[in-house]
Protein backbone atom coordinates (compact mmCIF):
# COMPACT_ATOMS: atom_id res chain seq x y z
CA MET A 1 131.25 78.07 46.90
CA LYS A 2 128.18 76.74 48.25
CA LYS A 3 130.00 76.20 51.68
CA LYS A 4 131.29 79.72 51.53
CA ALA A 5 127.82 81.00 50.99
CA LEU A 6 126.32 78.85 53.81
CA SER A 7 129.09 80.00 56.17
CA LEU A 8 128.23 83.61 55.37
CA ALA A 9 124.51 82.97 56.00
CA LEU A 10 125.02 81.25 59.43
CA ALA A 11 127.30 84.02 60.43
CA LEU A 12 124.65 86.57 59.47
CA VAL A 13 122.03 84.79 61.42
CA MET A 14 124.20 84.58 64.51
CA CYS A 15 124.98 88.20 64.39
CA LEU A 16 121.27 88.98 64.09
CA SER A 17 120.37 86.70 66.98
CA LEU A 18 123.00 88.33 69.11
CA THR A 19 121.36 91.75 68.46
CA ILE A 20 117.80 91.17 69.04
CA PRO A 21 117.76 90.80 72.73
CA ALA A 22 119.68 94.18 73.03
CA LEU A 23 117.26 96.01 70.58
CA ALA A 24 114.10 94.51 72.13
CA ALA A 25 114.03 96.49 75.47
CA GLU A 26 114.85 99.77 73.67
CA GLU A 27 112.43 99.13 70.76
CA SER A 28 109.60 98.41 73.10
CA TYR A 29 108.76 102.13 73.58
CA THR A 30 109.27 105.44 71.86
CA ILE A 31 110.89 107.71 74.36
CA GLN A 32 111.32 111.49 73.79
CA ASN A 33 112.95 113.58 76.46
CA GLY A 34 112.27 111.20 79.02
CA VAL A 35 108.53 110.64 78.04
CA VAL A 36 107.13 107.38 76.81
CA THR A 37 104.93 108.38 73.83
CA GLN A 38 104.23 105.01 72.47
CA SER A 39 104.59 101.36 73.46
CA TYR A 40 105.12 98.30 71.30
CA LEU A 41 104.97 95.52 73.92
CA PRO A 42 102.35 92.84 73.35
CA ASN A 43 103.80 90.87 76.34
CA GLU A 44 101.73 90.34 79.42
CA SER A 45 104.34 91.87 81.59
CA ALA A 46 106.40 95.29 81.09
CA THR A 47 108.96 97.02 82.84
CA ILE A 48 109.38 100.68 81.93
CA PRO A 49 112.99 101.65 81.47
CA ASP A 50 114.98 103.69 84.31
CA GLY A 51 115.11 107.34 83.47
CA VAL A 52 111.71 107.67 82.10
CA THR A 53 110.06 110.64 83.84
CA ALA A 54 106.50 110.51 82.28
CA LEU A 55 104.09 108.27 80.64
CA GLY A 56 102.71 110.34 77.53
CA TYR A 57 99.17 110.56 76.31
CA GLY A 58 97.63 106.89 75.42
CA SER A 59 101.13 105.33 75.85
CA PHE A 60 99.61 101.90 76.70
CA TRP A 61 95.89 102.67 75.70
CA GLY A 62 94.02 99.59 74.80
CA LYS A 63 96.95 97.06 75.33
CA LYS A 64 94.66 94.07 76.00
CA GLY A 65 97.46 91.73 76.42
CA LEU A 66 99.06 93.74 79.23
CA HIS A 67 98.71 92.02 82.50
CA SER A 68 101.32 93.84 84.76
CA ILE A 69 103.44 97.00 84.57
CA THR A 70 106.56 97.86 86.56
CA MET A 71 107.61 101.65 86.68
CA PRO A 72 110.78 103.02 87.78
CA ASP A 73 110.93 105.56 90.63
CA SER A 74 111.99 108.21 88.23
CA VAL A 75 108.38 108.39 86.77
CA VAL A 76 106.63 111.44 88.25
CA ASP A 77 103.70 111.96 85.83
CA ILE A 78 101.35 109.51 84.34
CA GLY A 79 99.62 111.23 81.38
CA LEU A 80 96.17 111.41 79.88
CA SER A 81 94.75 108.04 79.18
CA ALA A 82 98.12 106.43 79.69
CA PHE A 83 96.57 102.85 80.43
CA ARG A 84 93.08 103.40 79.39
CA GLY A 85 91.27 100.31 78.19
CA CYS A 86 93.94 97.94 79.47
CA GLU A 87 91.13 95.56 80.35
CA TYR A 88 93.46 92.68 81.64
CA LEU A 89 95.81 94.78 83.61
CA THR A 90 95.88 93.30 87.17
CA THR A 91 98.99 94.30 88.72
CA ILE A 92 100.65 97.95 88.82
CA LYS A 93 103.94 98.59 90.67
CA MET A 94 103.84 102.34 90.60
CA SER A 95 106.64 104.72 90.90
CA LYS A 96 107.06 105.91 94.46
CA ASN A 97 107.54 109.60 93.32
CA VAL A 98 104.31 109.98 91.16
CA VAL A 99 103.07 113.50 91.56
CA ASN A 100 100.42 113.66 89.02
CA ILE A 101 97.86 111.05 87.56
CA ALA A 102 95.94 112.56 84.67
CA GLU A 103 92.50 112.26 83.32
CA THR A 104 91.32 108.67 82.38
CA ALA A 105 94.74 107.33 83.02
CA PHE A 106 93.55 104.10 84.28
CA ALA A 107 89.91 104.25 83.22
CA SER A 108 88.24 100.88 82.15
CA CYS A 109 91.10 98.82 83.56
CA LYS A 110 88.54 96.25 84.34
CA SER A 111 90.75 93.71 85.86
CA LEU A 112 92.48 95.87 88.31
CA THR A 113 91.68 94.80 91.91
CA SER A 114 93.98 97.12 93.94
CA ILE A 115 96.27 100.17 93.50
CA GLU A 116 98.72 101.64 95.95
CA LEU A 117 98.96 105.42 95.48
CA PRO A 118 102.29 106.94 96.71
CA ASN A 119 102.51 109.58 99.37
CA THR A 120 103.97 112.02 96.84
CA LEU A 121 100.76 112.19 94.64
CA VAL A 122 99.38 115.66 94.52
CA SER A 123 96.68 115.57 91.74
CA ILE A 124 94.42 113.12 90.18
CA GLY A 125 92.48 113.83 87.02
CA LYS A 126 89.00 113.67 85.85
CA THR A 127 87.83 109.98 85.73
CA ALA A 128 91.23 108.65 86.38
CA PHE A 129 90.00 105.31 87.65
CA ALA A 130 86.47 105.35 86.22
CA SER A 131 84.98 101.90 85.32
CA CYS A 132 87.86 99.86 87.16
CA GLU A 133 85.17 97.34 87.69
CA SER A 134 87.13 95.14 89.93
CA LEU A 135 88.76 97.40 92.12
CA THR A 136 87.85 96.71 95.62
CA SER A 137 89.41 99.34 97.93
CA VAL A 138 91.44 102.31 97.58
CA THR A 139 93.22 104.84 99.93
CA ILE A 140 93.64 108.52 98.71
CA PRO A 141 96.92 109.71 100.35
CA ASP A 142 96.90 112.79 102.61
CA SER A 143 99.31 114.42 99.98
CA VAL A 144 96.51 114.61 97.39
CA THR A 145 95.23 118.16 97.30
CA SER A 146 93.47 118.22 93.98
CA MET A 147 91.08 115.69 92.58
CA ASP A 148 88.83 116.12 89.51
CA ILE A 149 85.24 114.88 88.93
CA GLY A 150 84.38 111.14 88.48
CA VAL A 151 87.62 109.67 89.71
CA PHE A 152 86.14 106.34 90.96
CA GLY A 153 82.79 106.53 89.10
CA ASN A 154 81.39 103.05 88.11
CA CYS A 155 83.79 101.14 90.15
CA TYR A 156 81.21 98.58 90.92
CA SER A 157 83.23 96.44 93.45
CA LEU A 158 84.60 99.28 95.28
CA ALA A 159 83.42 98.45 98.77
CA SER A 160 85.84 100.72 101.03
CA VAL A 161 87.77 103.98 100.74
CA HIS A 162 89.94 106.16 102.79
CA ILE A 163 89.85 109.83 101.94
CA GLY A 164 93.07 111.67 102.96
CA SER A 165 93.34 114.89 104.84
CA GLY A 166 94.79 116.92 101.94
CA LEU A 167 91.52 117.36 100.19
CA ASP A 168 88.86 120.00 101.07
CA SER A 169 86.01 118.64 98.89
CA ILE A 170 84.64 115.45 97.27
CA PRO A 171 84.19 116.47 93.71
CA ALA A 172 80.99 115.63 91.59
CA GLY A 173 80.41 111.83 90.83
CA THR A 174 83.67 110.87 92.57
CA PHE A 175 82.08 107.57 93.85
CA GLN A 176 79.02 107.40 91.74
CA ASN A 177 77.66 103.83 91.07
CA CYS A 178 80.31 102.11 93.37
CA GLY A 179 79.94 99.22 95.71
CA LEU A 180 80.49 101.14 99.00
CA THR A 181 78.79 99.86 102.04
CA SER A 182 79.76 102.59 104.47
CA VAL A 183 81.73 105.89 104.36
CA THR A 184 83.36 108.06 106.95
CA ILE A 185 84.01 111.60 105.47
CA PRO A 186 86.87 113.24 107.33
CA ASN A 187 86.53 116.70 108.98
CA ASN A 188 88.70 118.22 106.47
CA ILE A 189 85.95 118.05 103.93
CA THR A 190 84.05 121.24 103.62
CA SER A 191 81.85 120.41 100.48
CA ILE A 192 80.53 117.37 98.62
CA GLY A 193 79.73 117.74 94.70
CA ASP A 194 76.66 116.70 92.62
CA ASP A 195 76.06 112.91 92.61
CA ALA A 196 79.21 112.25 94.54
CA PHE A 197 77.77 109.03 96.09
CA SER A 198 74.74 108.53 93.98
CA LYS A 199 73.67 105.05 92.74
CA CYS A 200 75.75 103.35 95.51
CA GLY A 201 73.14 100.62 96.03
CA SER A 202 74.85 99.09 98.96
CA LEU A 203 75.65 102.11 100.92
CA ALA A 204 73.92 101.46 104.20
CA SER A 205 75.63 104.26 106.43
CA VAL A 206 77.53 107.40 105.98
CA ALA A 207 79.05 109.80 108.52
CA ILE A 208 79.13 113.50 107.32
CA PRO A 209 81.26 115.72 109.65
CA ASP A 210 80.01 119.27 110.72
CA SER A 211 82.85 120.65 108.56
CA VAL A 212 80.64 120.09 105.50
CA ALA A 213 78.82 123.24 104.63
CA THR A 214 77.51 122.62 101.21
CA ILE A 215 76.40 119.53 99.32
CA GLY A 216 75.61 119.29 95.82
CA SER A 217 72.38 117.95 94.07
CA GLY A 218 71.68 114.07 94.06
CA VAL A 219 74.61 113.38 96.24
CA PHE A 220 72.81 110.31 97.84
CA LYS A 221 70.19 109.65 94.81
CA ASP A 222 69.37 105.96 94.45
CA CYS A 223 71.37 104.77 97.61
CA ARG A 224 68.72 102.23 98.09
CA SER A 225 70.20 100.75 101.21
CA LEU A 226 70.78 103.97 103.05
CA ARG A 227 68.66 103.81 106.28
CA SER A 228 69.55 106.81 108.27
CA VAL A 229 71.52 110.08 107.83
CA THR A 230 72.50 112.96 110.07
CA LEU A 231 73.05 116.28 108.15
CA PRO A 232 75.87 118.59 109.27
CA ASN A 233 75.00 121.69 111.42
CA LYS A 234 76.38 124.22 108.70
CA LEU A 235 74.15 123.04 106.07
CA THR A 236 71.65 125.74 104.74
CA THR A 237 70.23 123.99 101.73
CA ILE A 238 69.27 120.45 101.02
CA PRO A 239 69.41 120.47 97.30
CA THR A 240 67.26 118.85 94.68
CA HIS A 241 67.37 115.09 94.51
CA THR A 242 69.72 114.66 97.58
CA PHE A 243 67.90 111.57 98.75
CA ASN A 244 65.77 110.67 95.68
CA SER A 245 64.73 107.13 95.68
CA CYS A 246 66.56 106.15 98.91
CA LEU A 247 64.07 103.23 99.34
CA SER A 248 65.22 102.20 102.64
CA LEU A 249 65.72 105.58 104.16
CA THR A 250 63.61 105.60 107.48
CA SER A 251 65.07 108.56 109.29
CA VAL A 252 66.78 111.88 108.71
CA THR A 253 68.29 114.44 111.32
CA ILE A 254 68.08 117.93 109.79
CA PRO A 255 69.95 120.75 111.76
CA SER A 256 68.41 124.13 112.42
CA SER A 257 70.76 125.88 110.12
CA VAL A 258 68.79 124.47 107.11
CA THR A 259 66.64 127.37 105.59
CA LYS A 260 65.67 125.60 102.22
CA ILE A 261 64.65 122.01 101.10
CA GLU A 262 64.58 121.92 97.30
CA GLU A 263 62.28 120.00 95.03
CA PHE A 264 62.67 116.17 94.79
CA ALA A 265 64.97 116.15 97.77
CA PHE A 266 63.10 113.48 99.38
CA ASN A 267 61.23 112.02 96.39
CA ASN A 268 60.34 108.41 96.36
CA CYS A 269 61.73 107.87 99.99
CA LEU A 270 58.83 105.62 100.43
CA ALA A 271 60.16 104.33 103.93
CA LEU A 272 60.87 107.57 105.42
CA LYS A 273 58.83 108.09 108.70
CA ASP A 274 60.85 110.35 111.06
CA ILE A 275 62.61 113.61 110.67
CA TYR A 276 64.53 114.79 113.62
CA TYR A 277 64.79 118.62 113.45
CA GLY A 278 67.38 120.53 115.58
CA GLY A 279 64.94 123.63 115.81
CA THR A 280 61.74 124.51 116.93
CA GLU A 281 58.33 124.07 115.01
CA ALA A 282 58.26 127.78 114.32
CA GLN A 283 61.67 127.48 112.81
CA TRP A 284 60.67 124.33 110.83
CA ASN A 285 57.63 126.25 109.43
CA ALA A 286 59.78 128.95 108.19
CA ILE A 287 61.88 126.74 106.05
CA GLU A 288 61.31 127.23 102.21
CA ILE A 289 60.29 123.75 101.27
CA GLN A 290 59.80 123.59 97.41
CA GLN A 291 57.32 121.28 95.87
CA HIS A 292 57.36 120.31 92.26
CA ALA A 293 54.00 119.78 90.68
CA GLY A 294 53.22 116.11 89.83
CA VAL A 295 55.37 114.61 92.68
CA PRO A 296 52.65 113.58 94.97
CA ARG A 297 54.69 110.93 96.67
CA ASP A 298 57.11 113.46 98.03
CA PRO A 299 56.90 112.29 101.74
CA LEU A 300 57.25 115.93 103.20
CA TYR A 301 53.59 116.49 101.78
CA SER A 302 52.29 112.82 102.40
CA GLY A 303 51.30 113.32 106.07
CA ARG A 304 53.04 110.20 107.30
CA ILE A 305 56.21 111.86 108.33
CA THR A 306 56.65 112.76 111.91
CA ILE A 307 58.74 115.81 112.64
CA HIS A 308 60.55 115.73 116.00
CA PHE A 309 61.40 119.10 117.23
CA SER A 310 64.31 119.29 119.65
CA GLY A 311 63.69 122.81 120.62
CA SER A 312 60.05 122.38 121.69
CA GLN A 313 60.90 120.72 125.00
CA PRO A 314 60.89 123.07 127.93
CA THR A 315 63.21 120.97 130.01
CA THR A 316 65.34 117.88 129.24
CA PRO A 317 64.11 116.52 125.84
CA THR A 318 62.40 113.21 125.80
CA GLN A 319 63.00 112.95 122.08
CA PRO A 320 66.49 111.79 120.87
CA THR A 321 68.74 114.54 119.34
CA THR A 322 70.20 111.80 117.02
CA PRO A 323 68.00 109.33 115.18
CA THR A 324 67.59 105.87 116.41
CA GLN A 325 66.91 103.09 113.84
CA PRO A 326 63.23 102.27 113.69
CA ALA A 327 62.25 98.83 114.14
CA GLY A 328 60.66 98.47 110.86
CA SER A 329 57.67 96.46 109.91
CA THR A 330 57.36 92.71 110.38
CA ALA A 331 56.17 90.31 107.57
CA SER A 332 53.89 87.44 108.27
CA ASN A 333 56.82 85.16 108.94
CA GLY A 334 58.57 87.44 111.40
CA ALA A 335 61.19 89.06 109.02
CA GLN A 336 61.82 92.70 109.21
CA VAL A 337 60.75 94.60 106.09
CA SER A 338 60.22 98.11 104.94
CA GLY A 339 56.85 99.53 105.70
CA TRP A 340 56.09 100.34 102.05
CA ALA A 341 56.90 96.75 101.18
CA LYS A 342 55.01 94.65 103.90
CA ASP A 343 51.72 94.05 102.27
CA ARG A 344 53.26 92.84 99.02
CA VAL A 345 55.93 90.72 100.77
CA ASN A 346 53.12 88.97 102.54
CA VAL A 347 51.50 88.13 99.25
CA ALA A 348 54.82 86.66 98.05
CA LEU A 349 54.96 84.69 101.20
CA SER A 350 51.51 83.42 100.86
CA ASN A 351 52.45 82.11 97.31
CA ASN A 352 55.49 80.32 98.60
CA LEU A 353 57.88 82.53 96.66
CA ALA A 354 60.40 82.98 99.57
CA PRO A 355 63.01 80.26 99.86
CA ALA A 356 64.74 79.41 103.08
CA GLY A 357 68.06 81.10 103.91
CA LEU A 358 66.89 84.75 103.35
CA GLY A 359 67.58 85.64 106.99
CA ASN A 360 65.30 87.69 109.27
CA ASP A 361 65.86 91.21 107.76
CA TYR A 362 64.64 91.47 104.22
CA ARG A 363 65.75 95.10 103.81
CA GLY A 364 69.37 94.08 103.22
CA ASN A 365 70.78 93.34 99.78
CA ILE A 366 70.28 90.01 98.26
CA THR A 367 73.29 87.64 97.34
CA ARG A 368 73.85 85.38 94.31
CA GLY A 369 73.00 82.38 96.27
CA GLN A 370 69.81 83.87 97.76
CA PHE A 371 68.69 85.02 94.33
CA ALA A 372 69.38 81.59 92.85
CA ALA A 373 67.21 80.05 95.27
CA THR A 374 64.47 82.77 94.87
CA ALA A 375 64.66 81.94 91.09
CA VAL A 376 64.11 78.15 91.81
CA LYS A 377 61.12 78.96 94.04
CA LEU A 378 59.56 81.12 91.40
CA TYR A 379 60.12 78.44 88.76
CA GLN A 380 58.45 75.85 90.89
CA ALA A 381 55.51 78.14 91.91
CA MET A 382 54.81 78.79 88.23
CA GLY A 383 54.58 75.01 87.60
CA GLY A 384 58.11 74.16 86.67
CA GLN A 385 59.40 70.73 87.32
CA ALA A 386 62.80 70.27 88.88
CA GLY A 387 64.68 67.03 88.84
CA ALA A 388 67.83 65.84 91.03
CA THR A 389 70.85 67.84 90.80
CA GLY A 390 74.17 66.41 89.34
CA ALA A 391 77.65 66.66 90.73
CA SER A 392 78.71 70.26 91.65
CA SER A 393 80.40 72.21 88.86
CA PHE A 394 81.57 74.83 91.38
CA THR A 395 84.52 74.55 93.88
CA ASP A 396 83.00 76.95 96.40
CA THR A 397 79.53 75.89 96.94
CA THR A 398 77.73 72.47 97.34
CA ASP A 399 74.37 74.04 98.03
CA PRO A 400 71.93 71.65 96.34
CA VAL A 401 69.62 74.66 95.50
CA ILE A 402 72.29 76.55 93.75
CA LEU A 403 73.31 73.52 91.80
CA LEU A 404 69.67 73.09 90.68
CA ALA A 405 69.48 76.64 89.58
CA ALA A 406 72.71 76.06 87.60
CA ASP A 407 71.26 72.78 86.17
CA LEU A 408 68.23 74.63 85.16
CA GLY A 409 70.15 77.34 83.46
CA PHE A 410 69.15 80.16 85.73
CA VAL A 411 72.72 80.92 86.86
CA SER A 412 76.25 80.33 85.97
CA GLY A 413 79.66 80.61 87.48
CA VAL A 414 81.81 83.74 87.77
CA GLY A 415 84.96 81.97 86.35
CA GLY A 416 87.77 79.66 87.87
CA GLY A 417 85.19 77.04 88.72
CA LYS A 418 83.54 79.32 91.36
CA PHE A 419 80.01 80.54 91.83
CA ASP A 420 80.59 83.36 94.60
CA PRO A 421 77.44 82.65 96.49
CA ASN A 422 77.91 85.64 98.97
CA ALA A 423 78.46 88.19 96.15
CA LEU A 424 75.81 90.63 95.72
CA VAL A 425 73.29 90.49 92.78
CA ASN A 426 73.02 93.61 90.54
CA ARG A 427 69.85 94.64 88.85
CA GLU A 428 70.89 93.55 85.16
CA GLN A 429 71.90 90.14 86.67
CA ALA A 430 68.49 89.91 88.32
CA ALA A 431 66.80 90.53 85.04
CA VAL A 432 68.66 87.78 83.32
CA MET A 433 67.98 85.22 85.87
CA LEU A 434 64.25 85.97 85.83
CA SER A 435 64.22 85.83 82.01
CA SER A 436 66.05 82.43 82.22
CA VAL A 437 63.19 81.17 84.48
CA TYR A 438 60.54 82.44 81.90
CA ALA A 439 62.52 80.80 79.08
CA LYS A 440 62.75 77.50 80.90
CA LEU A 441 58.91 77.54 81.21
CA GLY A 442 58.57 77.84 77.60
CA GLY A 443 58.32 81.57 77.23
CA SER A 444 60.38 83.48 74.55
CA VAL A 445 62.55 86.59 75.23
CA PRO A 446 63.05 88.56 72.02
CA THR A 447 66.61 89.68 71.20
CA VAL A 448 67.23 93.22 71.09
CA ALA A 449 70.38 95.29 70.42
CA ALA A 450 69.55 98.01 72.92
CA THR A 451 67.15 98.98 75.87
CA THR A 452 65.16 102.22 75.91
CA PHE A 453 66.82 103.53 78.90
CA ASN A 454 69.09 106.45 78.95
CA ASP A 455 71.85 104.60 80.48
CA ASN A 456 71.66 101.73 77.85
CA GLY A 457 75.21 101.98 77.49
CA ASP A 458 75.92 100.88 80.94
CA VAL A 459 73.77 97.64 80.41
CA SER A 460 75.95 94.74 79.43
CA GLY A 461 75.51 93.30 75.95
CA TRP A 462 74.33 89.95 77.39
CA ALA A 463 71.75 91.62 79.56
CA LYS A 464 70.14 93.96 77.05
CA SER A 465 67.40 91.54 75.86
CA ALA A 466 66.44 90.42 79.29
CA VAL A 467 66.32 93.98 80.81
CA ALA A 468 64.20 95.09 77.74
CA PHE A 469 61.75 92.28 78.01
CA MET A 470 61.45 92.47 81.73
CA ASN A 471 60.96 96.32 81.47
CA GLY A 472 58.43 95.83 78.74
CA LYS A 473 56.39 93.59 80.93
CA GLU A 474 56.61 96.07 83.83
CA ILE A 475 58.30 93.52 86.09
CA VAL A 476 61.42 95.36 86.50
CA THR A 477 61.28 99.27 86.21
CA GLY A 478 63.72 102.25 85.98
CA VAL A 479 65.10 104.15 88.97
CA GLY A 480 64.09 107.55 87.75
CA ASN A 481 64.80 109.96 84.97
CA ASN A 482 64.69 106.79 82.56
CA ASN A 483 67.70 105.23 84.00
CA PHE A 484 67.86 101.50 84.83
CA SER A 485 71.06 101.52 86.91
CA PRO A 486 72.18 98.02 85.64
CA LYS A 487 74.91 97.65 88.20
CA GLY A 488 72.75 98.81 91.23
CA SER A 489 72.05 96.30 93.89
CA ALA A 490 68.59 94.97 94.98
CA SER A 491 67.36 94.09 98.42
CA ILE A 492 65.85 90.87 99.43
CA GLU A 493 62.40 92.54 99.67
CA GLN A 494 62.69 94.00 96.15
CA ALA A 495 63.77 90.62 94.82
CA LEU A 496 60.57 89.07 96.33
CA LEU A 497 58.30 91.87 94.90
CA ILE A 498 59.86 91.42 91.43
CA SER A 499 59.22 87.72 91.76
CA LEU A 500 55.72 88.29 92.66
CA LYS A 501 55.06 90.69 89.82
CA MET A 502 56.34 88.05 87.39
CA PHE A 503 54.47 85.26 89.13
CA GLU A 504 51.33 87.48 88.64
CA THR A 505 52.05 88.64 85.25
CA LEU A 506 53.37 85.72 83.47
CA LYS A 507 51.93 82.65 85.26
């Protein structure tokens, strides 16, 4: 009897084991009328079954164990928040026939480094790829004719983008707070929305075609590496905050079509010295230039801006019709610096706060390796004692100064045994490094749950205490409107001035 019962049990187990593989693939998803409405796969890799035509609302939302996804070519629609918050998703094999990517479809996929959008794609929804922090490049196909706001906002690593010929506008916030270094806008674009490129701290150059007739407010606000811009000849208004806090901007070419420059358009552009105007002096004087009370640093009223009038020359003009890059000021060690920073940089140099290896142009953005060396210099200038370094814990650098900074606790790696010395430092990282110097010297950095900045939510949890402390000591400040821009980059000269401020305040 026992043998018979055991045989029945074994037979049942065998039957069950035979049915599990067949059921597993089907039971991974809830599919209704060709639409995946829910997924049950905790596995790292997933393959969506053939015949599925759409991925429904939140069908993979928050699947933190998902690393790769393969879609069949039957998929034509990727729905609202389909892959939102899949933080470890690194690989996507997208259907070649996708027509629509809906709102927040891939938002906060923080490990995604690249995505190939198919040539069948027509529309991209609001913030579809927002906060994909590791995304480095993207090509928007010519087939895309509709794109909502903020599609690539807060993609901090996005360094290059190709905009297809199907779009006629760049919507508001499309590339806000990205890592772009240069942008060429195609001549099919006729308008650029509010804050489209604002807070792109590494953006040094932008080419705007004459097809662009309107730009929104704050388009290039806080683009602190932008040095010169030529505005298109159909533009009639330079809106409010267009270039606010573009600290490296030295020259702007303004066409004679402009009839109005709104308040704060050039606020806090401390390096601006030359405006190349396409009309006569009389035309310039007829422009409505608004001035908001309490903004005395607006350069259009400072008296230090030279207006070059192309129409004032009776024959061949001696002034260029396009801006040339001013040589800039020269610091006491021969390095190129912005005019507004020269005196304070010289003070930093006299206090031996500038390490070797910063190069000859301090207006460029500072790297992790350079900031590590700057932190060590500051530590030594404030009386810190540095011993010999140990064996390298990084596979991509043997620089003794970086290793010393790591031994002192000022810097750490980026994962995988690497330091990534050539990557740019952002503002919150700078605050953490400097607070580590202060702590190493015996100081105390209070722990806080939040900063007082409006963009506190963008400040990483591990950086909040350092940002709050450094801001409280007025060593680092906001970028305007009570925002800190934690993922924004910093220039070499800015890093030296912050070090100098800390040296003077906390020594």
